[in-house]
Protein backbone atom coordinates (compact mmCIF):
# COMPACT_ATOMS: atom_id res chain seq x y z
CA MET A 1 14.62 -37.79 -28.88
CA ASP A 2 14.98 -34.49 -27.07
CA PHE A 3 18.29 -33.93 -25.35
CA LEU A 4 19.48 -30.62 -23.94
CA VAL A 5 22.72 -29.63 -22.21
CA ASN A 6 23.35 -26.58 -20.05
CA HIS A 7 26.76 -24.90 -19.76
CA GLU A 8 28.12 -22.20 -17.47
CA LYS A 9 30.92 -19.79 -18.36
CA ILE A 10 33.63 -19.50 -15.73
CA THR A 11 37.07 -17.91 -15.65
CA SER A 12 40.29 -19.58 -14.70
CA ALA A 13 43.66 -18.03 -13.97
CA LYS A 14 46.42 -18.33 -16.54
CA VAL A 15 49.97 -17.35 -15.54
CA LEU A 16 51.40 -15.22 -18.36
CA LEU A 17 54.68 -14.29 -16.69
CA ASP A 18 56.45 -15.37 -13.52
CA THR A 19 60.05 -14.23 -13.32
CA THR A 20 62.57 -12.07 -11.49
CA CYS A 21 64.28 -9.15 -13.23
CA GLU A 22 67.69 -8.00 -12.06
CA GLN A 23 68.96 -4.49 -12.61
CA SER A 24 72.43 -3.25 -11.77
CA ALA A 25 72.71 0.29 -10.44
CA GLU A 26 76.04 2.08 -10.69
CA LEU A 27 76.95 5.63 -9.79
CA ASP A 28 80.18 7.62 -9.85
CA LEU A 29 79.14 10.32 -7.38
CA VAL A 30 80.98 13.59 -7.01
CA LEU A 31 79.77 15.73 -4.10
CA PRO A 32 78.34 19.14 -5.02
CA ASP A 33 80.41 22.12 -3.89
CA TYR A 34 78.05 23.02 -1.04
CA TYR A 35 78.48 19.60 0.65
CA PRO A 36 81.29 19.11 3.21
CA ASP A 37 84.09 16.62 2.62
CA ILE A 38 83.59 12.96 3.48
CA PHE A 39 85.25 11.83 6.69
CA ARG A 40 83.37 8.57 7.30
CA ILE A 41 80.51 6.78 5.52
CA LEU A 42 77.70 5.88 7.89
CA LYS A 43 75.31 4.12 5.51
CA CYS A 44 74.69 3.65 1.81
CA SER A 45 71.31 2.29 0.71
CA PHE A 46 69.03 1.66 -2.27
CA SER A 47 65.27 2.26 -2.16
CA PRO A 48 63.64 0.79 -5.29
CA ALA A 49 60.04 1.60 -6.23
CA VAL A 50 57.87 0.90 -9.29
CA ILE A 51 56.42 4.20 -10.50
CA SER A 52 54.59 3.11 -13.68
CA GLN A 53 53.56 0.00 -15.59
CA SER A 54 51.76 -0.85 -18.82
CA ILE A 55 50.78 -3.79 -21.05
CA ASN A 56 50.74 -3.34 -24.80
CA GLY A 57 49.72 -6.43 -26.74
CA GLY A 58 51.97 -9.27 -25.64
CA ARG A 59 54.57 -7.06 -23.93
CA PHE A 60 54.76 -5.76 -20.37
CA SER A 61 56.79 -2.67 -19.41
CA PHE A 62 57.48 -1.06 -16.08
CA GLU A 63 59.58 1.85 -14.84
CA LEU A 64 61.72 1.34 -11.76
CA ALA A 65 63.08 4.29 -9.77
CA VAL A 66 66.02 3.60 -7.44
CA LYS A 67 66.79 6.21 -4.81
CA ILE A 68 70.45 6.05 -3.80
CA LYS A 69 71.05 7.51 -0.34
CA ILE A 70 74.36 8.12 1.42
CA LEU A 71 74.69 9.11 5.07
CA TYR A 72 78.12 10.33 6.10
CA CYS A 73 79.87 12.52 8.63
CA SER A 74 82.56 15.10 7.96
CA ALA A 75 85.43 16.56 9.96
CA GLU A 76 83.93 20.05 9.59
CA ASN A 77 80.77 19.54 11.66
CA LYS A 78 78.78 17.08 13.78
CA LYS A 79 75.88 16.77 11.34
CA VAL A 80 74.49 13.59 9.83
CA ASN A 81 75.08 14.63 6.23
CA CYS A 82 72.77 13.10 3.63
CA ILE A 83 72.97 13.10 -0.15
CA GLU A 84 70.46 11.45 -2.47
CA GLN A 85 70.51 10.59 -6.14
CA LYS A 86 67.81 8.92 -8.24
CA GLN A 87 68.18 6.57 -11.18
CA SER A 88 65.36 5.33 -13.39
CA PHE A 89 65.23 2.13 -15.44
CA THR A 90 62.68 0.75 -17.90
CA LYS A 91 62.17 -2.98 -18.34
CA THR A 92 60.16 -4.66 -21.10
CA LEU A 93 59.21 -8.34 -20.93
CA ASP A 94 57.38 -10.68 -23.32
CA LEU A 95 54.21 -12.40 -22.13
CA SER A 96 53.43 -16.01 -23.01
CA ALA A 97 50.10 -14.89 -24.52
CA ASP A 98 48.00 -11.78 -24.95
CA ALA A 99 46.79 -10.53 -21.58
CA THR A 100 43.07 -10.62 -20.93
CA ASN A 101 42.09 -8.64 -17.84
CA PRO A 102 45.61 -8.99 -16.37
CA GLU A 103 46.53 -8.95 -12.71
CA VAL A 104 50.04 -7.59 -12.12
CA TYR A 105 52.17 -8.29 -9.04
CA LEU A 106 55.48 -6.41 -8.69
CA CYS A 107 57.83 -6.57 -5.72
CA PRO A 108 61.20 -4.74 -5.96
CA ARG A 109 63.99 -5.29 -3.45
CA THR A 110 67.68 -4.53 -2.96
CA ASP A 111 69.99 -7.50 -3.49
CA TYR A 112 73.27 -5.85 -2.53
CA ILE A 113 75.07 -2.52 -2.49
CA ASN A 114 78.75 -1.59 -2.21
CA CYS A 115 80.11 1.90 -1.59
CA ARG A 116 83.80 2.73 -2.01
CA VAL A 117 85.34 6.09 -1.15
CA GLN A 118 87.60 7.27 -3.98
CA ASN A 119 88.56 10.50 -2.20
CA GLN A 120 86.96 13.06 0.09
CA ARG A 121 84.68 14.27 -2.71
CA ARG A 122 84.04 11.15 -4.74
CA LEU A 123 82.20 7.85 -4.23
CA ASP A 124 82.01 4.74 -6.37
CA ILE A 125 78.65 2.98 -5.79
CA ARG A 126 77.76 -0.42 -7.22
CA GLY A 127 74.72 -2.52 -6.48
CA CYS A 128 71.83 -4.58 -7.78
CA VAL A 129 68.07 -4.54 -7.33
CA SER A 130 65.66 -7.26 -8.41
CA THR A 131 61.94 -7.12 -9.11
CA LYS A 132 59.67 -10.12 -8.74
CA VAL A 133 57.19 -9.97 -11.64
CA LYS A 134 54.06 -12.09 -11.83
CA ILE A 135 51.23 -11.47 -14.29
CA VAL A 136 48.08 -13.57 -14.24
CA GLY A 137 45.57 -13.34 -17.07
CA GLU A 138 42.05 -14.57 -17.51
CA GLU A 139 41.13 -17.68 -19.47
CA PRO A 140 37.42 -18.29 -20.20
CA CYS A 141 36.09 -21.81 -19.91
CA GLU A 142 32.71 -23.49 -20.37
CA LEU A 143 31.71 -26.29 -18.02
CA LEU A 144 28.67 -28.55 -18.05
CA ILE A 145 26.28 -27.91 -15.17
CA GLY A 146 23.24 -29.89 -16.33
CA ALA A 147 21.53 -32.01 -19.00
CA ALA A 148 17.97 -33.27 -19.62
CA GLY A 149 16.37 -35.97 -21.78
CA ALA A 150 17.42 -39.42 -23.04
CA ASN A 151 17.19 -40.79 -19.47
CA ILE A 152 20.49 -39.11 -18.72
CA GLN A 153 22.00 -39.65 -15.26
CA LEU A 154 24.34 -37.03 -13.83
CA LEU A 155 26.85 -37.19 -11.00
CA ARG A 156 27.13 -33.61 -9.79
CA GLU A 157 29.04 -31.85 -7.04
CA GLN A 158 28.73 -28.29 -5.83
CA PHE A 159 31.69 -25.95 -6.26
CA SER A 160 32.22 -22.24 -5.81
CA VAL A 161 33.41 -21.12 -9.26
CA LEU A 162 34.88 -17.80 -10.31
CA THR A 163 32.58 -16.16 -12.84
CA LYS A 164 34.10 -12.68 -13.13
CA ARG A 165 37.39 -10.97 -12.36
CA LEU A 166 38.12 -7.23 -12.31
CA ASN A 167 41.58 -5.69 -11.98
CA TYR A 168 42.24 -2.00 -11.42
CA SER A 169 45.27 0.14 -10.63
CA LYS A 170 45.66 3.85 -10.01
CA ARG A 171 48.46 6.08 -8.79
CA ILE A 172 47.32 8.50 -6.09
CA THR A 173 49.21 11.66 -5.13
CA ILE A 174 48.46 13.60 -1.94
CA SER A 175 49.79 17.15 -1.80
CA GLU A 176 49.75 19.36 1.29
CA GLU A 177 51.38 22.60 2.42
CA ILE A 178 53.43 22.06 5.61
CA GLU A 179 54.61 24.83 7.93
CA LEU A 180 56.74 24.28 11.03
CA SER A 181 55.29 25.27 14.39
CA GLU A 182 56.97 27.98 16.41
CA GLN A 183 58.52 25.40 18.74
CA LYS A 184 60.36 23.67 15.89
CA PRO A 185 63.79 24.89 14.71
CA ASP A 186 64.46 25.64 11.05
CA ILE A 187 65.20 22.80 8.66
CA GLU A 188 68.75 23.07 7.37
CA SER A 189 68.85 19.72 5.56
CA PHE A 190 66.92 16.45 5.46
CA VAL A 191 68.32 13.19 6.78
CA LYS A 192 65.29 10.94 6.35
CA ALA A 193 61.77 11.24 4.94
CA VAL A 194 59.46 8.21 4.92
CA ALA A 195 55.73 7.67 4.67
CA ASP A 196 53.37 4.84 5.60
CA ILE A 197 49.86 4.34 4.22
CA GLU A 198 47.19 3.22 6.67
CA LEU A 199 44.16 2.08 4.72
CA GLY A 200 40.81 2.77 6.35
CA GLU A 201 37.24 2.61 5.14
CA ARG A 202 36.37 1.00 1.80
CA ASN A 203 32.91 1.39 0.30
CA ILE A 204 31.56 -0.01 -2.96
CA ILE A 205 28.96 1.88 -4.93
CA SER A 206 27.80 0.56 -8.31
CA GLY A 207 30.78 0.91 -10.63
CA LYS A 208 32.94 2.71 -8.07
CA MET A 209 34.99 2.08 -4.95
CA VAL A 210 35.71 4.75 -2.36
CA VAL A 211 38.96 4.25 -0.44
CA LYS A 212 39.91 6.31 2.60
CA GLY A 213 42.95 6.34 4.82
CA ASP A 214 45.87 8.28 6.21
CA ALA A 215 49.35 8.88 4.86
CA LYS A 216 51.64 9.17 7.87
CA ALA A 217 54.95 10.98 7.33
CA TYR A 218 58.10 10.96 9.46
CA ILE A 219 60.86 13.50 8.81
CA LEU A 220 64.32 13.57 10.42
CA TYR A 221 66.27 16.76 9.73
CA ASN A 222 69.37 18.70 10.70
CA THR A 223 69.11 22.02 12.48
CA SER A 224 71.55 24.92 12.30
CA ASP A 225 73.30 23.91 15.55
CA ASP A 226 74.32 20.43 14.26
CA ALA A 227 71.49 18.77 16.16
CA CYS A 228 68.66 16.66 14.73
CA ASP A 229 64.93 17.12 15.12
CA THR A 230 61.87 15.24 13.90
CA LEU A 231 58.60 16.15 12.27
CA LYS A 232 55.55 13.89 12.23
CA PHE A 233 52.22 14.53 10.53
CA SER A 234 49.31 12.68 8.96
CA LEU A 235 47.57 13.51 5.68
CA PRO A 236 44.07 12.02 5.29
CA PHE A 237 42.93 11.01 1.82
CA SER A 238 39.71 9.92 0.14
CA ASN A 239 39.68 8.79 -3.45
CA ILE A 240 37.06 7.46 -5.85
CA LEU A 241 38.18 4.56 -8.04
CA ASP A 242 36.14 4.05 -11.22
CA ILE A 243 35.96 0.27 -11.54
CA ASP A 244 33.50 -0.61 -14.26
CA GLY A 245 31.17 -3.47 -13.28
CA ILE A 246 32.02 -3.70 -9.57
CA ASP A 247 29.28 -4.07 -6.96
CA GLU A 248 28.89 -5.43 -3.44
CA SER A 249 28.74 -9.04 -4.63
CA PHE A 250 32.49 -9.00 -5.37
CA LYS A 251 35.22 -10.13 -3.01
CA THR A 252 37.78 -7.29 -3.06
CA LEU A 253 41.51 -7.28 -2.27
CA VAL A 254 43.23 -3.89 -2.01
CA ASP A 255 47.03 -3.58 -2.18
CA ILE A 256 49.11 -0.45 -1.65
CA ASP A 257 52.78 -0.36 -2.62
CA SER A 258 55.59 1.52 -0.86
CA PRO A 259 54.83 5.26 -0.99
CA VAL A 260 57.24 7.87 -2.34
CA ILE A 261 57.55 11.15 -0.40
CA GLU A 262 58.90 14.44 -1.77
CA LEU A 263 59.47 17.67 0.21
CA ILE A 264 59.88 20.88 -1.79
CA ALA A 265 60.81 24.15 -0.08
CA LYS A 266 58.57 27.12 -0.85
CA ASN A 267 60.59 30.15 -2.02
CA ASN A 268 63.77 28.68 -0.45
CA SER A 269 62.11 28.80 2.96
CA GLN A 270 63.40 26.66 5.81
CA ARG A 271 59.96 26.52 7.46
CA GLU A 272 57.41 26.09 4.67
CA TYR A 273 57.30 23.08 2.38
CA THR A 274 55.07 21.33 -0.11
CA CYS A 275 54.76 17.65 0.80
CA GLU A 276 53.79 15.16 -1.91
CA ILE A 277 53.13 11.52 -1.13
CA SER A 278 52.38 9.20 -4.06
CA PHE A 279 51.53 5.48 -4.13
CA ASN A 280 49.82 2.86 -6.28
CA VAL A 281 46.46 1.40 -5.28
CA SER A 282 45.66 -1.98 -6.85
CA VAL A 283 42.22 -3.59 -6.56
CA ARG A 284 41.38 -7.20 -7.36
CA ALA A 285 37.64 -7.88 -7.43
CA LEU A 286 36.40 -11.47 -7.72
CA LYS A 287 32.85 -12.76 -8.11
CA PHE A 288 32.11 -16.36 -7.15
CA LYS A 289 28.99 -18.44 -7.71
CA ASP A 290 27.95 -21.85 -6.35
CA GLU A 291 27.37 -24.29 -9.20
CA PHE A 292 26.82 -28.04 -9.47
CA LEU A 293 29.41 -29.27 -11.96
CA VAL A 294 28.94 -32.59 -13.75
CA LEU A 295 31.67 -35.09 -12.83
CA ASP A 296 30.25 -38.14 -14.64
CA ALA A 297 27.27 -39.02 -16.86
CA TYR A 298 25.55 -41.93 -18.63
CA SER A 299 22.18 -42.77 -20.13
CA THR A 300 20.12 -45.82 -19.14
CA CYS A 301 18.65 -45.97 -22.67
CA TYR A 302 21.25 -44.80 -25.15
CA GLU A 303 24.94 -45.00 -25.76
CA CYS A 304 26.55 -41.96 -24.24
CA GLU A 305 29.92 -40.32 -24.98
CA SER A 306 31.36 -37.81 -22.51
CA GLU A 307 34.08 -35.26 -23.21
CA THR A 308 36.11 -34.74 -20.06
CA ALA A 309 38.45 -31.90 -19.05
CA GLN A 310 40.93 -31.29 -16.27
CA VAL A 311 39.92 -27.99 -14.69
CA ASN A 312 41.79 -25.97 -12.09
CA LEU A 313 39.09 -24.20 -10.15
CA GLU A 314 40.28 -20.98 -8.53
CA LEU A 315 38.91 -20.82 -5.00
CA CYS A 316 38.13 -17.68 -3.06
CA PRO A 317 41.42 -16.23 -1.72
CA VAL A 318 41.93 -16.07 2.04
CA GLU A 319 43.47 -13.03 3.74
CA LYS A 320 45.70 -13.69 6.73
CA SER A 321 47.57 -11.29 8.97
CA ILE A 322 50.55 -11.91 11.25
CA ARG A 323 51.50 -9.38 13.91
CA LEU A 324 55.20 -9.85 14.51
CA GLU A 325 57.15 -8.26 17.37
CA THR A 326 60.89 -8.77 17.50
CA THR A 327 63.68 -7.26 19.60
CA GLY A 328 67.38 -7.09 18.79
CA THR A 329 70.44 -5.54 20.37
CA LEU A 330 72.80 -3.15 18.64
CA LYS A 331 76.24 -2.89 20.19
CA SER A 332 78.88 -0.23 19.70
CA ASP A 333 82.40 -1.61 20.09
CA ASP A 334 84.35 1.59 19.44
CA ALA A 335 82.36 4.48 20.89
CA LYS A 336 80.12 5.25 23.85
CA ILE A 337 76.47 5.93 23.02
CA THR A 338 75.22 9.13 24.65
CA GLU A 339 72.15 9.85 22.50
CA VAL A 340 69.93 7.98 20.04
CA VAL A 341 68.99 10.23 17.13
CA ASP A 342 66.82 7.77 15.17
CA ALA A 343 65.81 4.10 15.31
CA ASP A 344 64.61 2.30 12.21
CA ALA A 345 63.46 -1.12 11.02
CA LYS A 346 62.62 -2.61 7.62
CA CYS A 347 61.20 -5.96 6.55
CA HIS A 348 63.43 -7.74 4.06
CA ASN A 349 62.90 -10.66 1.68
CA VAL A 350 59.68 -12.04 3.25
CA GLN A 351 58.75 -15.36 1.59
CA TYR A 352 56.79 -18.56 2.26
CA ARG A 353 57.32 -22.28 2.00
CA THR A 354 55.24 -25.37 2.65
CA SER A 355 56.55 -28.34 4.61
CA GLY A 356 54.74 -31.37 5.97
CA GLY A 357 51.31 -29.82 5.54
CA ARG A 358 52.42 -26.60 7.27
CA THR A 359 52.73 -23.15 5.70
CA LEU A 360 55.65 -21.07 6.99
CA ILE A 361 56.29 -17.35 6.51
CA PHE A 362 59.94 -16.40 6.91
CA GLY A 363 62.27 -13.49 6.26
CA SER A 364 64.30 -10.91 8.12
CA ILE A 365 63.96 -7.51 9.75
CA ASP A 366 66.85 -5.07 9.40
CA ILE A 367 67.18 -2.89 12.49
CA SER A 368 69.40 0.21 12.64
CA LEU A 369 70.00 3.40 14.58
CA ILE A 370 71.74 6.72 14.27
CA ALA A 371 73.34 7.76 17.56
CA ARG A 372 75.92 10.16 18.94
CA ASP A 373 79.03 9.35 20.91
CA SER A 374 80.62 11.22 23.82
CA ASP A 375 82.09 13.70 21.36
CA SER A 376 78.64 14.29 19.76
CA SER A 377 79.86 12.73 16.53
CA PRO A 378 77.29 10.60 14.67
CA ILE A 379 77.60 6.81 14.61
CA TYR A 380 75.53 4.23 12.72
CA LEU A 381 74.72 0.69 13.91
CA GLU A 382 72.73 -2.06 12.20
CA ASN A 383 71.84 -5.72 12.50
CA THR A 384 69.58 -8.29 10.82
CA LEU A 385 67.05 -10.39 12.73
CA SER A 386 65.62 -13.54 11.12
CA PHE A 387 62.10 -14.78 11.81
CA GLU A 388 59.82 -17.68 10.93
CA ARG A 389 56.12 -17.97 11.73
CA GLU A 390 53.52 -20.60 10.90
CA LEU A 391 50.50 -19.45 8.93
CA ASP A 392 47.23 -20.92 10.12
CA GLU A 393 46.32 -22.38 6.74
CA GLU A 394 46.43 -25.87 5.26
CA SER A 395 49.00 -26.14 2.48
CA SER A 396 47.43 -28.96 0.44
CA ASP A 397 45.55 -26.80 -2.08
CA ILE A 398 47.67 -23.61 -1.97
CA CYS A 399 48.82 -22.48 -5.40
CA GLY A 400 50.45 -19.20 -4.33
CA ILE A 401 50.71 -16.57 -1.60
CA ASP A 402 51.08 -12.83 -2.13
CA ILE A 403 52.95 -11.32 0.83
CA SER A 404 53.24 -7.67 1.82
CA SER A 405 54.82 -6.32 4.98
CA ARG A 406 55.16 -3.03 6.78
CA ILE A 407 56.70 -1.83 10.02
CA ILE A 408 54.04 -0.43 12.34
CA SER A 409 56.29 0.91 15.07
CA THR A 410 59.93 1.04 16.16
CA ASP A 411 61.05 1.70 19.74
CA PHE A 412 64.44 1.71 21.42
CA ALA A 413 65.81 1.34 24.94
CA ILE A 414 69.37 2.29 25.94
CA LYS A 415 70.67 -0.61 28.02
CA SER A 416 74.20 0.72 28.53
CA SER A 417 76.70 3.05 26.93
CA GLU A 418 77.48 0.27 24.44
CA CYS A 419 74.11 -1.41 23.86
CA VAL A 420 70.70 -0.32 22.60
CA ASP A 421 67.68 -2.62 22.23
CA ILE A 422 65.47 -2.06 19.17
CA THR A 423 61.91 -3.42 19.21
CA ALA A 424 60.11 -3.51 15.88
CA VAL A 425 56.45 -4.41 15.34
CA ALA A 426 55.61 -5.58 11.82
CA ASP A 427 52.31 -6.35 10.12
CA ILE A 428 52.67 -9.16 7.56
CA ARG A 429 49.69 -9.60 5.25
CA ALA A 430 49.33 -12.81 3.27
CA VAL A 431 46.75 -13.36 0.54
CA VAL A 432 46.51 -17.13 0.13
CA HIS A 433 45.43 -18.31 -3.32
CA LYS A 434 43.98 -21.80 -3.60
CA SER A 435 42.93 -23.98 -6.49
CA LEU A 436 41.18 -27.29 -6.86
CA SER A 437 41.96 -29.67 -9.73
CA ASN A 438 39.03 -31.77 -10.90
CA ASN A 439 38.02 -33.97 -13.81
CA THR A 440 34.70 -32.61 -15.04
CA ILE A 441 32.44 -33.30 -18.01
CA LYS A 442 32.76 -30.66 -20.71
CA ASN A 443 30.12 -32.04 -23.06
CA ILE A 444 27.82 -35.07 -23.58
CA LYS A 445 26.83 -36.69 -26.87
CA ILE A 446 24.02 -39.24 -27.19
CA GLY A 447 24.77 -41.90 -29.81
CA GLY A 448 21.87 -42.15 -32.25
CA GLU A 449 18.24 -43.23 -31.82
CA LYS A 450 18.93 -46.92 -31.10
CA LYS A 451 18.10 -47.84 -27.51
CA LEU A 452 20.18 -50.11 -25.34
CA GLN A 453 18.85 -53.63 -24.80
CA ASN A 454 18.22 -53.95 -21.09
CA LYS A 455 15.04 -56.02 -20.69
CA ASN A 456 16.26 -59.57 -20.09
CA CYS A 457 15.33 -59.23 -16.41
CA ALA A 458 13.63 -56.78 -14.05
CA LEU A 459 15.79 -57.39 -10.99
CA LYS A 460 19.32 -58.52 -10.24
CA LEU A 461 21.19 -59.54 -7.10
CA TYR A 462 24.59 -58.03 -6.46
CA ARG A 463 27.16 -58.55 -3.71
CA CYS A 464 28.64 -55.19 -2.66
CA GLU A 465 32.36 -54.88 -2.12
CA GLU A 466 34.00 -52.43 0.27
CA ASP A 467 33.99 -48.73 -0.75
CA GLU A 468 31.69 -49.19 -3.74
CA SER A 469 29.25 -46.37 -4.44
CA VAL A 470 25.64 -46.40 -5.59
CA TRP A 471 26.68 -44.39 -8.65
CA GLU A 472 29.31 -46.95 -9.75
CA ILE A 473 26.89 -49.86 -9.43
CA ALA A 474 24.01 -48.04 -11.17
CA LYS A 475 26.28 -47.07 -14.09
CA ARG A 476 27.61 -50.65 -14.39
CA PHE A 477 24.10 -52.16 -14.56
CA ASN A 478 22.67 -49.36 -16.68
CA THR A 479 20.02 -48.35 -14.14
CA THR A 480 19.39 -45.27 -11.99
CA PRO A 481 20.94 -44.56 -8.57
CA SER A 482 17.55 -43.47 -7.20
CA SER A 483 15.98 -46.87 -8.03
CA ILE A 484 18.73 -48.73 -6.12
CA ILE A 485 18.32 -46.43 -3.13
CA SER A 486 14.53 -46.88 -3.16
CA GLU A 487 14.56 -50.66 -3.69
CA ASN A 488 17.01 -51.23 -0.82
CA GLU A 489 15.56 -48.53 1.47
CA LEU A 490 18.92 -46.77 1.70
CA ASP A 491 19.66 -43.34 2.99
CA GLU A 492 21.35 -41.32 0.24
CA LYS A 493 24.06 -40.27 2.69
CA ASP A 494 24.75 -43.83 3.88
CA LYS A 495 27.44 -46.04 2.42
CA LEU A 496 26.39 -49.25 0.72
CA PRO A 497 26.21 -52.22 3.11
CA LEU A 498 28.55 -55.15 2.54
CA GLY A 499 26.60 -58.12 1.18
CA MET A 500 23.70 -58.62 -1.19
CA ILE A 501 21.55 -55.79 -2.59
CA LEU A 502 18.78 -55.68 -5.19
CA ILE A 503 19.42 -53.94 -8.53
CA PRO A 504 16.14 -52.95 -10.25
CA ILE A 505 16.55 -52.68 -14.04
CA THR A 506 14.72 -49.66 -15.42
CA GLU A 507 14.12 -48.46 -18.95
């Protein structure tokens, strides 16, 4: 008796780590001698960013840099004074198993921050940042896709199965020499420096991916006459990523984390600077293949033993984008607003939940502005706007959603001397991961050379009940589905009719 089975290797996702790490950040800050005394704190903030990561055996480590920024005004001038300090932390976590081709997802955020003035030269800063850490590894699996011989009958269904996964990460640094135009006043000190990465063209060549885009920088700075001015510029970039094994047959997902911007004066100049913008690029490349997996099996001639397995099939992820526009009002109760120096917005704590078959994206947008009152003194206003939007995606088979968000634009409108409207436009990107749980046949064993006795008749009558399938009846009577379909002149797509049908008994 010749009997052959055919298997296909697939990969399934295995979560190795899914946790949240908290890190306290504390600073006893004494102002340097060249900074003016503190009269009033405008804003104290944390900006956490992951600058490196590594996996060594069963341990995962990452370095977190927290930029502590204080905006304040003094009695000596009308400037928006800014002082920054940076703290670095290293975290090491144990994985549940050794990581094979790991995919790492890190999302740092500020939980809270408190700033207390000890005296005119000293600040006590306490706060906490947390980092959402999720690491998914690869687990190989063999599934039965076919068998031949021994009059074997197979119930098969087509699925799109993941056959290969590639993960890649690289830190990119863009460096450019910046010189102020003649129309711009000298830079005395920086108040704000942020960058946004706009990803453009992506091309895949065998073993490589070319990514292009623009790093857009926004600088707010003090001038010598206590005023503020802005500087905006864009730095194009093109980078080749060496991803071994990638080609155009892969589905690719490209993520870029929050960029870090550094401005370094050249020879103590107030007009020439070196600008460095660095960010991580992460690529997930997935290759899927349509295969007919075996869900059930039996032989019409021999005893047959099937080894079943519960398999979670990872489906092709779906990318969704939500364009969110929200407007909020900032009101000054104590001072009259005569000028808006800067308007800002940040997405905060964007999450998802499923409810009643719906998928909801929710979170908040923090809006703020730096303004001047009738005495030209700086004032700071802020507010938090909550939002909730429905994602156009069924929630039944969702196993996770990776969410990233960025503010595209921020505009303001002065409504009165007390009120300013801030309009923020955000782009929320959601990568929806889906899985399908199925009982499949992992292997088939034919029991010996002895044939089943099935020759006491050539034809049987059977009364069909509701919702019975041809496969169930054929397996019960040890015959083939095709013979029942042929004998009763059935369409393979039709359901069985209620009532009597003929069951031909085949060898």
